[in-house]
Amino acid sequence: MYTVLGSGVDSLVIGFCVSQYRDIESFKILEQAKTDAGEKLFGGKGTSITWFGKPFVVHARGTKGYEWVLENGDVSICIARKAEGGRIYPEIYVTFRAEYLWANTARTAVYDIKHWIGTWAIVVGDKVSRCDLCIDLEMNMPSINLAQDVVTRARGKTEYYGSLPAEHYVNGQRDTGYRFGQGSIIGRIYDKSLEVVISQKEWFQTIWSTNGWNGESAITRVEFQCRRDFLKEMSVDDFWSLTERMGDIWRYCAQDWLTIRTHGNDSHRYRWAMKDWWNTITNSFDLFGEAYGIVRYKKNSFRYEHLMKQARGVLLTAAAVCGVSLGTNYGCKQIDFETDKWFNSKEFKVEVQNRMALVGGMKEEKLPIIVMEAIKLGGQLIN
């Protein structure tokens, strides 16, 4: 039996779309602070200011289209000069620091910052760019055989870690961590008790002690870094939808995308028994909220306009074939009759329903059991 000593959002990046800044004159303070920071010799770290009641350090340079970069112990904020309602990119880009998230919960931290931003800007929406979910287990850092223990459906099928890039980290004779994947999902398993000491995040020890930690046993963290492309495939756009999907995101990551198993004799590797400690990880999705059975929807690259041009060409040829001997009018009427009969048939609608799963990138073996059972009872997949 493994004890969970902590779970939550460890990193969060959100872009806020702004239609208008309430007082553009207030930005003169940022402009001056940025200028002052640039004039400091020998690599000054910025200029300290208080802006709308919060202390910040303003950097000497902006970044990637953002004019001002502000930082404090809670957040890093990038601000664009012009407000365009998020038409090009979110005007305000906020990175929440781990200590702020753990001290307040992600929901409270986001609502507090959004309320503060609302005092100097009109926020019309938000977009989640990155979210890291994690669980801390009271256990020694496991030794994982990358060639045998790691089973994944990262490529839409059950296989070893071979198609999922993996890295193994050691410190002397001690395993310190593993990293899996790249791009929109990255999984990490590492010695958090060691990392806390190295990074001077001893405040984590207070959280663990509150949940029953004895102050000595090792802590292993399992963490999934989720970026925007994957989040969109899990029906996440804004922060509200993220709070509704966290349970499903963890379930997908720890049940479908990555699993750590005991090597067995069954040729179907996904039937191998999970490691006891990974069972705890898999079954802890409810720590992030209710799981509704949401399916990862990975849209394939089909272009509607291109398909319609192809269909038009085929219908033109079919009409010409019918009209060669009987005339143009007959050929067009015959095609109209055939297509109308087909489009309104029950069989056509069933075929469309089946093709939707293919177009959406949802293969049958990837559907959760609850969804498969619903389809058997007459349920339908809808876009």
Protein backbone atom coordinates (compact mmCIF):
# COMPACT_ATOMS: atom_id res chain seq x y z
CA MET A 1 0.00 0.00 0.00
CA TYR A 2 1.44 3.31 -1.08
CA THR A 3 0.47 6.63 0.51
CA VAL A 4 -0.24 9.70 -1.60
CA LEU A 5 1.30 12.67 0.20
CA GLY A 6 0.40 15.31 -2.37
CA SER A 7 -1.44 15.83 -5.64
CA GLY A 8 -2.28 18.84 -7.72
CA VAL A 9 -1.24 21.32 -10.38
CA ASP A 10 2.50 21.98 -10.22
CA SER A 11 2.83 24.32 -13.20
CA LEU A 12 0.27 26.38 -15.08
CA VAL A 13 0.50 28.82 -17.99
CA ILE A 14 -2.57 30.78 -19.11
CA GLY A 15 -3.03 33.48 -21.74
CA PHE A 16 -5.71 36.12 -21.04
CA CYS A 17 -7.39 37.81 -24.00
CA VAL A 18 -7.99 41.52 -23.47
CA SER A 19 -10.28 43.82 -25.46
CA GLN A 20 -9.11 47.02 -23.82
CA TYR A 21 -6.74 48.38 -21.21
CA ARG A 22 -8.63 50.51 -18.71
CA ASP A 23 -5.90 53.11 -18.15
CA ILE A 24 -3.24 53.17 -20.84
CA GLU A 25 -1.43 55.95 -18.95
CA SER A 26 -0.55 53.47 -16.20
CA PHE A 27 1.77 51.71 -18.67
CA LYS A 28 4.14 54.68 -18.47
CA ILE A 29 5.30 53.23 -15.16
CA LEU A 30 6.24 49.98 -16.90
CA GLU A 31 7.92 51.85 -19.73
CA GLN A 32 10.07 53.84 -17.34
CA ALA A 33 10.94 50.76 -15.26
CA LYS A 34 11.94 48.90 -18.42
CA THR A 35 14.17 51.80 -19.48
CA ASP A 36 15.76 51.99 -16.03
CA ALA A 37 16.41 48.25 -16.05
CA GLY A 38 18.19 48.55 -19.40
CA GLU A 39 20.48 51.28 -18.07
CA LYS A 40 21.78 49.17 -15.18
CA LEU A 41 25.37 48.01 -15.63
CA PHE A 42 26.83 44.52 -15.24
CA GLY A 43 23.66 42.56 -15.99
CA GLY A 44 21.09 44.12 -13.68
CA LYS A 45 18.14 41.83 -12.94
CA GLY A 46 15.44 44.43 -13.47
CA THR A 47 13.73 47.34 -11.75
CA SER A 48 11.49 46.88 -8.71
CA ILE A 49 8.08 48.59 -8.82
CA THR A 50 4.64 48.33 -7.27
CA TRP A 51 1.93 48.12 -9.93
CA PHE A 52 -1.77 48.09 -9.05
CA GLY A 53 -0.94 47.01 -5.51
CA LYS A 54 1.47 44.16 -6.34
CA PRO A 55 5.29 44.22 -6.20
CA PHE A 56 7.16 43.22 -9.37
CA VAL A 57 10.54 43.30 -11.02
CA VAL A 58 10.35 44.66 -14.59
CA HIS A 59 12.84 43.19 -17.06
CA ALA A 60 14.92 45.28 -19.44
CA ARG A 61 13.55 43.41 -22.47
CA GLY A 62 10.25 42.01 -23.65
CA THR A 63 9.83 38.59 -25.22
CA LYS A 64 8.16 37.06 -28.29
CA GLY A 65 5.83 39.94 -29.10
CA TYR A 66 5.23 41.01 -25.51
CA GLU A 67 6.42 44.49 -24.60
CA TRP A 68 6.82 44.07 -20.84
CA VAL A 69 7.86 41.17 -18.63
CA LEU A 70 7.04 41.38 -14.90
CA GLU A 71 8.01 38.86 -12.23
CA ASN A 72 7.55 38.23 -8.54
CA GLY A 73 7.52 35.20 -6.27
CA ASP A 74 4.05 34.15 -7.43
CA VAL A 75 3.89 34.70 -11.18
CA SER A 76 5.67 35.81 -14.32
CA ILE A 77 3.54 38.08 -16.54
CA CYS A 78 4.12 39.07 -20.17
CA ILE A 79 2.05 42.03 -21.41
CA ALA A 80 1.44 43.10 -25.02
CA ARG A 81 1.31 46.82 -25.87
CA LYS A 82 -1.93 46.65 -27.89
CA ALA A 83 -5.23 45.05 -26.84
CA GLU A 84 -6.93 43.26 -29.73
CA GLY A 85 -9.24 40.81 -27.95
CA GLY A 86 -6.88 37.89 -28.44
CA ARG A 87 -7.18 38.10 -32.22
CA ILE A 88 -3.48 37.37 -32.77
CA TYR A 89 -2.42 35.95 -29.40
CA PRO A 90 -3.45 36.49 -25.76
CA GLU A 91 -2.44 39.98 -24.66
CA ILE A 92 -1.44 38.84 -21.15
CA TYR A 93 0.54 35.65 -20.65
CA VAL A 94 0.80 34.42 -17.05
CA THR A 95 3.08 31.66 -15.73
CA PHE A 96 2.08 30.57 -12.23
CA ARG A 97 4.88 29.43 -9.94
CA ALA A 98 4.62 26.11 -8.11
CA GLU A 99 4.71 27.54 -4.58
CA TYR A 100 1.85 29.93 -5.36
CA LEU A 101 -0.27 27.10 -6.84
CA TRP A 102 0.34 24.71 -3.92
CA ALA A 103 -0.29 27.38 -1.30
CA ASN A 104 -3.61 28.51 -2.79
CA THR A 105 -4.83 25.70 -5.10
CA ALA A 106 -4.84 26.34 -8.85
CA ARG A 107 -8.47 27.48 -8.89
CA THR A 108 -7.90 30.15 -6.22
CA ALA A 109 -4.62 31.32 -7.75
CA VAL A 110 -6.14 31.77 -11.21
CA TYR A 111 -9.26 33.52 -9.95
CA ASP A 112 -7.17 35.90 -7.80
CA ILE A 113 -4.88 36.84 -10.68
CA LYS A 114 -7.78 37.19 -13.11
CA HIS A 115 -9.56 39.50 -10.64
CA TRP A 116 -6.39 41.58 -10.27
CA ILE A 117 -5.93 41.82 -14.05
CA GLY A 118 -9.55 42.95 -14.26
CA THR A 119 -8.66 46.10 -12.32
CA TRP A 120 -6.53 47.37 -15.22
CA ALA A 121 -7.77 45.43 -18.27
CA ILE A 122 -11.03 44.11 -19.70
CA VAL A 123 -10.59 40.33 -19.93
CA VAL A 124 -12.76 38.63 -22.58
CA GLY A 125 -11.39 35.10 -22.38
CA ASP A 126 -8.50 32.85 -21.45
CA LYS A 127 -6.56 29.99 -23.04
CA VAL A 128 -4.60 27.33 -21.15
CA SER A 129 -1.17 26.89 -22.71
CA ARG A 130 0.34 24.38 -20.29
CA CYS A 131 -0.66 22.41 -17.20
CA ASP A 132 1.49 19.98 -15.19
CA LEU A 133 -0.40 17.49 -13.00
CA CYS A 134 1.46 15.42 -10.40
CA ILE A 135 1.17 12.93 -7.55
CA ASP A 136 3.74 12.44 -4.77
CA LEU A 137 4.03 8.89 -3.39
CA GLU A 138 5.74 7.88 -0.16
CA MET A 139 8.13 5.30 -1.61
CA ASN A 140 11.73 4.84 -2.68
CA MET A 141 12.60 5.85 -6.20
CA PRO A 142 11.74 2.78 -8.34
CA SER A 143 14.21 1.20 -10.72
CA ILE A 144 12.45 0.86 -14.08
CA ASN A 145 13.63 -1.49 -16.82
CA LEU A 146 12.96 0.64 -19.88
CA ALA A 147 13.22 -2.38 -22.17
CA GLN A 148 10.53 -4.40 -20.37
CA ASP A 149 8.47 -2.43 -17.86
CA VAL A 150 7.21 0.50 -19.96
CA VAL A 151 4.10 -0.14 -22.05
CA THR A 152 2.39 2.67 -23.93
CA ARG A 153 -0.36 3.46 -26.39
CA ALA A 154 1.33 6.67 -27.36
CA ARG A 155 1.19 5.70 -31.04
CA GLY A 156 -2.37 4.39 -30.93
CA LYS A 157 -1.38 0.79 -30.23
CA THR A 158 0.08 -1.24 -27.40
CA GLU A 159 3.86 -1.47 -27.53
CA TYR A 160 7.07 -1.08 -25.59
CA TYR A 161 8.58 2.31 -24.94
CA GLY A 162 10.46 2.13 -28.27
CA SER A 163 8.34 4.78 -30.04
CA LEU A 164 8.14 6.90 -26.88
CA PRO A 165 11.45 8.72 -26.32
CA ALA A 166 12.75 7.92 -22.82
CA GLU A 167 15.62 9.22 -20.68
CA HIS A 168 17.10 7.70 -17.52
CA TYR A 169 18.88 9.86 -14.93
CA VAL A 170 21.28 8.64 -12.25
CA ASN A 171 23.43 10.22 -9.54
CA GLY A 172 26.31 7.90 -8.78
CA GLN A 173 24.70 4.53 -8.02
CA ARG A 174 21.29 6.09 -7.39
CA ASP A 175 18.39 6.30 -9.84
CA THR A 176 17.06 9.85 -9.73
CA GLY A 177 14.49 9.99 -12.51
CA TYR A 178 12.98 9.04 -15.85
CA ARG A 179 11.47 11.15 -18.60
CA PHE A 180 9.09 9.88 -21.29
CA GLY A 181 7.86 11.52 -24.47
CA GLN A 182 8.28 14.89 -26.09
CA GLY A 183 6.06 17.58 -27.56
CA SER A 184 2.53 17.98 -26.24
CA ILE A 185 2.82 15.32 -23.47
CA ILE A 186 5.85 14.58 -21.31
CA GLY A 187 5.83 12.14 -18.40
CA ARG A 188 8.32 12.29 -15.53
CA ILE A 189 9.04 9.92 -12.64
CA TYR A 190 11.70 11.23 -10.29
CA ASP A 191 13.04 11.40 -6.74
CA LYS A 192 11.16 14.44 -5.43
CA SER A 193 12.66 14.29 -1.94
CA LEU A 194 16.12 14.73 -3.51
CA GLU A 195 14.96 17.41 -5.95
CA VAL A 196 13.37 19.42 -3.13
CA VAL A 197 16.71 19.68 -1.35
CA ILE A 198 18.66 20.55 -4.50
CA SER A 199 16.16 23.21 -5.66
CA GLN A 200 15.62 24.54 -2.11
CA LYS A 201 11.87 23.91 -2.20
CA GLU A 202 11.71 22.75 1.42
CA TRP A 203 8.18 24.17 1.66
CA PHE A 204 7.06 20.93 0.01
CA GLN A 205 8.06 19.11 3.18
CA THR A 206 5.40 21.06 5.08
CA ILE A 207 2.73 19.87 2.63
CA TRP A 208 3.87 16.26 2.95
CA SER A 209 4.00 16.47 6.76
CA THR A 210 0.42 17.74 6.81
CA ASN A 211 -0.56 14.55 4.94
CA GLY A 212 1.29 12.20 7.29
CA TRP A 213 4.91 12.21 6.14
CA ASN A 214 7.35 11.11 8.85
CA GLY A 215 10.07 13.52 7.71
CA GLU A 216 12.48 10.80 6.63
CA SER A 217 11.00 8.45 4.01
CA ALA A 218 11.70 9.01 0.33
CA ILE A 219 9.13 10.65 -1.96
CA THR A 220 8.67 9.71 -5.61
CA ARG A 221 6.81 12.06 -7.95
CA VAL A 222 4.87 11.06 -11.07
CA GLU A 223 4.17 14.08 -13.25
CA PHE A 224 2.60 14.74 -16.65
CA GLN A 225 3.35 17.94 -18.52
CA CYS A 226 0.45 18.73 -20.86
CA ARG A 227 0.72 21.43 -23.52
CA ARG A 228 -1.94 23.15 -25.55
CA ASP A 229 -2.15 20.77 -28.53
CA PHE A 230 -2.88 17.80 -26.27
CA LEU A 231 -5.19 19.83 -24.01
CA LYS A 232 -7.29 20.84 -27.03
CA GLU A 233 -7.57 17.16 -27.99
CA MET A 234 -8.97 16.57 -24.48
CA SER A 235 -11.60 19.31 -25.02
CA VAL A 236 -9.70 21.85 -22.92
CA ASP A 237 -9.51 25.46 -24.04
CA ASP A 238 -10.04 27.80 -21.09
CA PHE A 239 -9.30 27.31 -17.40
CA TRP A 240 -12.90 26.40 -16.57
CA SER A 241 -12.83 23.46 -19.01
CA LEU A 242 -9.45 22.42 -17.57
CA THR A 243 -10.93 22.13 -14.07
CA GLU A 244 -13.66 19.90 -15.52
CA ARG A 245 -11.22 17.65 -17.39
CA MET A 246 -8.35 17.11 -14.94
CA GLY A 247 -9.65 13.72 -13.82
CA ASP A 248 -9.93 12.53 -17.41
CA ILE A 249 -6.51 13.95 -18.31
CA TRP A 250 -4.85 12.02 -15.47
CA ARG A 251 -6.81 8.87 -16.32
CA TYR A 252 -5.70 9.08 -19.96
CA CYS A 253 -2.05 9.82 -19.17
CA ALA A 254 -1.67 7.11 -16.50
CA GLN A 255 -3.88 4.42 -18.08
CA ASP A 256 -3.59 4.83 -21.85
CA TRP A 257 -0.57 6.96 -22.66
CA LEU A 258 1.97 5.49 -20.22
CA THR A 259 1.93 2.48 -17.88
CA ILE A 260 4.63 0.70 -15.88
CA ARG A 261 4.01 -3.06 -15.82
CA THR A 262 5.48 -6.37 -14.71
CA HIS A 263 6.83 -8.38 -17.62
CA GLY A 264 4.48 -11.31 -18.34
CA ASN A 265 4.05 -14.21 -20.76
CA ASP A 266 0.91 -12.91 -22.48
CA SER A 267 1.67 -11.78 -26.03
CA HIS A 268 -0.71 -8.87 -25.51
CA ARG A 269 1.47 -6.60 -23.42
CA TYR A 270 -1.42 -4.44 -22.31
CA ARG A 271 -2.68 -7.42 -20.30
CA TRP A 272 0.45 -7.54 -18.19
CA ALA A 273 -0.16 -6.63 -14.56
CA MET A 274 0.71 -3.11 -13.57
CA LYS A 275 3.33 -2.52 -10.91
CA ASP A 276 1.67 -2.17 -7.51
CA TRP A 277 2.81 1.42 -7.13
CA TRP A 278 1.57 2.27 -10.63
CA ASN A 279 -1.85 0.90 -9.72
CA THR A 280 -1.97 3.59 -7.04
CA ILE A 281 -1.05 6.21 -9.66
CA THR A 282 -3.65 4.93 -12.12
CA ASN A 283 -6.47 4.76 -9.58
CA SER A 284 -5.82 8.23 -8.15
CA PHE A 285 -7.49 10.19 -10.97
CA ASP A 286 -10.30 11.15 -8.60
CA LEU A 287 -7.83 13.34 -6.70
CA PHE A 288 -8.13 15.75 -9.62
CA GLY A 289 -11.92 15.67 -9.84
CA GLU A 290 -14.55 13.53 -11.50
CA ALA A 291 -13.67 11.61 -14.69
CA TYR A 292 -16.45 11.78 -17.27
CA GLY A 293 -14.99 9.34 -19.81
CA ILE A 294 -13.80 12.05 -22.21
CA VAL A 295 -11.98 10.62 -25.24
CA ARG A 296 -8.85 12.17 -26.69
CA TYR A 297 -9.96 13.64 -30.00
CA LYS A 298 -6.99 13.89 -32.31
CA LYS A 299 -8.23 15.51 -35.48
CA ASN A 300 -6.78 14.10 -38.68
CA SER A 301 -5.72 16.40 -41.49
CA PHE A 302 -8.73 16.13 -43.82
CA ARG A 303 -9.58 19.26 -45.81
CA TYR A 304 -13.30 19.68 -46.44
CA GLU A 305 -12.82 21.95 -49.47
CA HIS A 306 -10.42 19.49 -51.09
CA LEU A 307 -12.81 16.57 -50.51
CA MET A 308 -15.69 18.52 -52.05
CA LYS A 309 -13.63 19.22 -55.17
CA GLN A 310 -12.90 15.50 -55.47
CA ALA A 311 -16.59 14.65 -55.01
CA ARG A 312 -17.59 17.20 -57.68
CA GLY A 313 -15.13 15.69 -60.15
CA VAL A 314 -16.44 12.16 -59.55
CA LEU A 315 -20.09 13.26 -59.90
CA LEU A 316 -19.29 15.14 -63.11
CA THR A 317 -17.76 12.00 -64.60
CA ALA A 318 -20.70 9.84 -63.46
CA ALA A 319 -23.20 12.29 -65.00
CA ALA A 320 -21.23 12.32 -68.26
CA VAL A 321 -21.25 8.49 -68.39
CA CYS A 322 -25.05 8.44 -67.95
CA GLY A 323 -25.54 11.27 -70.45
CA VAL A 324 -23.41 9.91 -73.29
CA SER A 325 -26.23 7.89 -74.80
CA LEU A 326 -29.33 9.48 -73.25
CA GLY A 327 -28.44 13.15 -73.08
CA THR A 328 -27.20 15.71 -70.58
CA ASN A 329 -30.53 16.24 -68.82
CA TYR A 330 -31.01 12.53 -68.17
CA GLY A 331 -27.47 12.15 -66.87
CA CYS A 332 -27.89 15.03 -64.38
CA LYS A 333 -31.31 13.78 -63.22
CA GLN A 334 -29.98 10.25 -62.72
CA ILE A 335 -27.11 11.51 -60.53
CA ASP A 336 -29.52 13.71 -58.55
CA PHE A 337 -31.85 10.74 -57.96
CA GLU A 338 -29.06 8.39 -56.88
CA THR A 339 -27.37 10.83 -54.50
CA ASP A 340 -30.66 11.95 -52.92
CA LYS A 341 -31.66 8.33 -52.32
CA TRP A 342 -28.27 7.53 -50.82
CA PHE A 343 -27.93 10.65 -48.63
CA ASN A 344 -31.34 10.09 -47.04
CA SER A 345 -30.90 6.39 -46.37
CA LYS A 346 -30.29 4.96 -42.90
CA GLU A 347 -27.27 3.06 -44.21
CA PHE A 348 -25.57 6.30 -45.27
CA LYS A 349 -26.06 7.85 -41.84
CA VAL A 350 -24.58 4.74 -40.19
CA GLU A 351 -21.57 4.87 -42.51
CA VAL A 352 -21.08 8.57 -41.70
CA GLN A 353 -21.24 7.72 -38.00
CA ASN A 354 -18.56 5.06 -38.37
CA ARG A 355 -16.36 7.30 -40.50
CA MET A 356 -16.54 10.09 -37.89
CA ALA A 357 -14.50 7.94 -35.50
CA LEU A 358 -11.82 7.46 -38.17
CA VAL A 359 -11.72 11.14 -39.14
CA GLY A 360 -11.56 12.14 -35.48
CA GLY A 361 -8.62 9.82 -34.85
CA MET A 362 -10.60 7.68 -32.38
CA LYS A 363 -9.94 4.01 -33.07
CA GLU A 364 -12.09 1.43 -31.39
CA GLU A 365 -9.35 -0.02 -29.21
CA LYS A 366 -8.70 3.44 -27.75
CA LEU A 367 -12.25 4.11 -26.64
CA PRO A 368 -12.92 3.84 -22.89
CA ILE A 369 -15.05 0.87 -21.88
CA ILE A 370 -17.92 3.13 -20.83
CA VAL A 371 -18.03 4.64 -24.35
CA MET A 372 -17.90 1.25 -26.09
CA GLU A 373 -20.77 -0.03 -23.95
CA ALA A 374 -22.80 3.10 -24.69
CA ILE A 375 -22.34 2.55 -28.45
CA LYS A 376 -23.56 -1.06 -28.10
CA LEU A 377 -26.70 0.28 -26.46
CA GLY A 378 -27.37 2.64 -29.35
CA GLY A 379 -25.31 5.68 -28.31
CA GLN A 380 -23.69 7.80 -31.01
CA LEU A 381 -20.40 9.65 -31.36
CA ILE A 382 -21.06 13.27 -32.18
CA ASN A 383 -18.68 16.05 -33.13
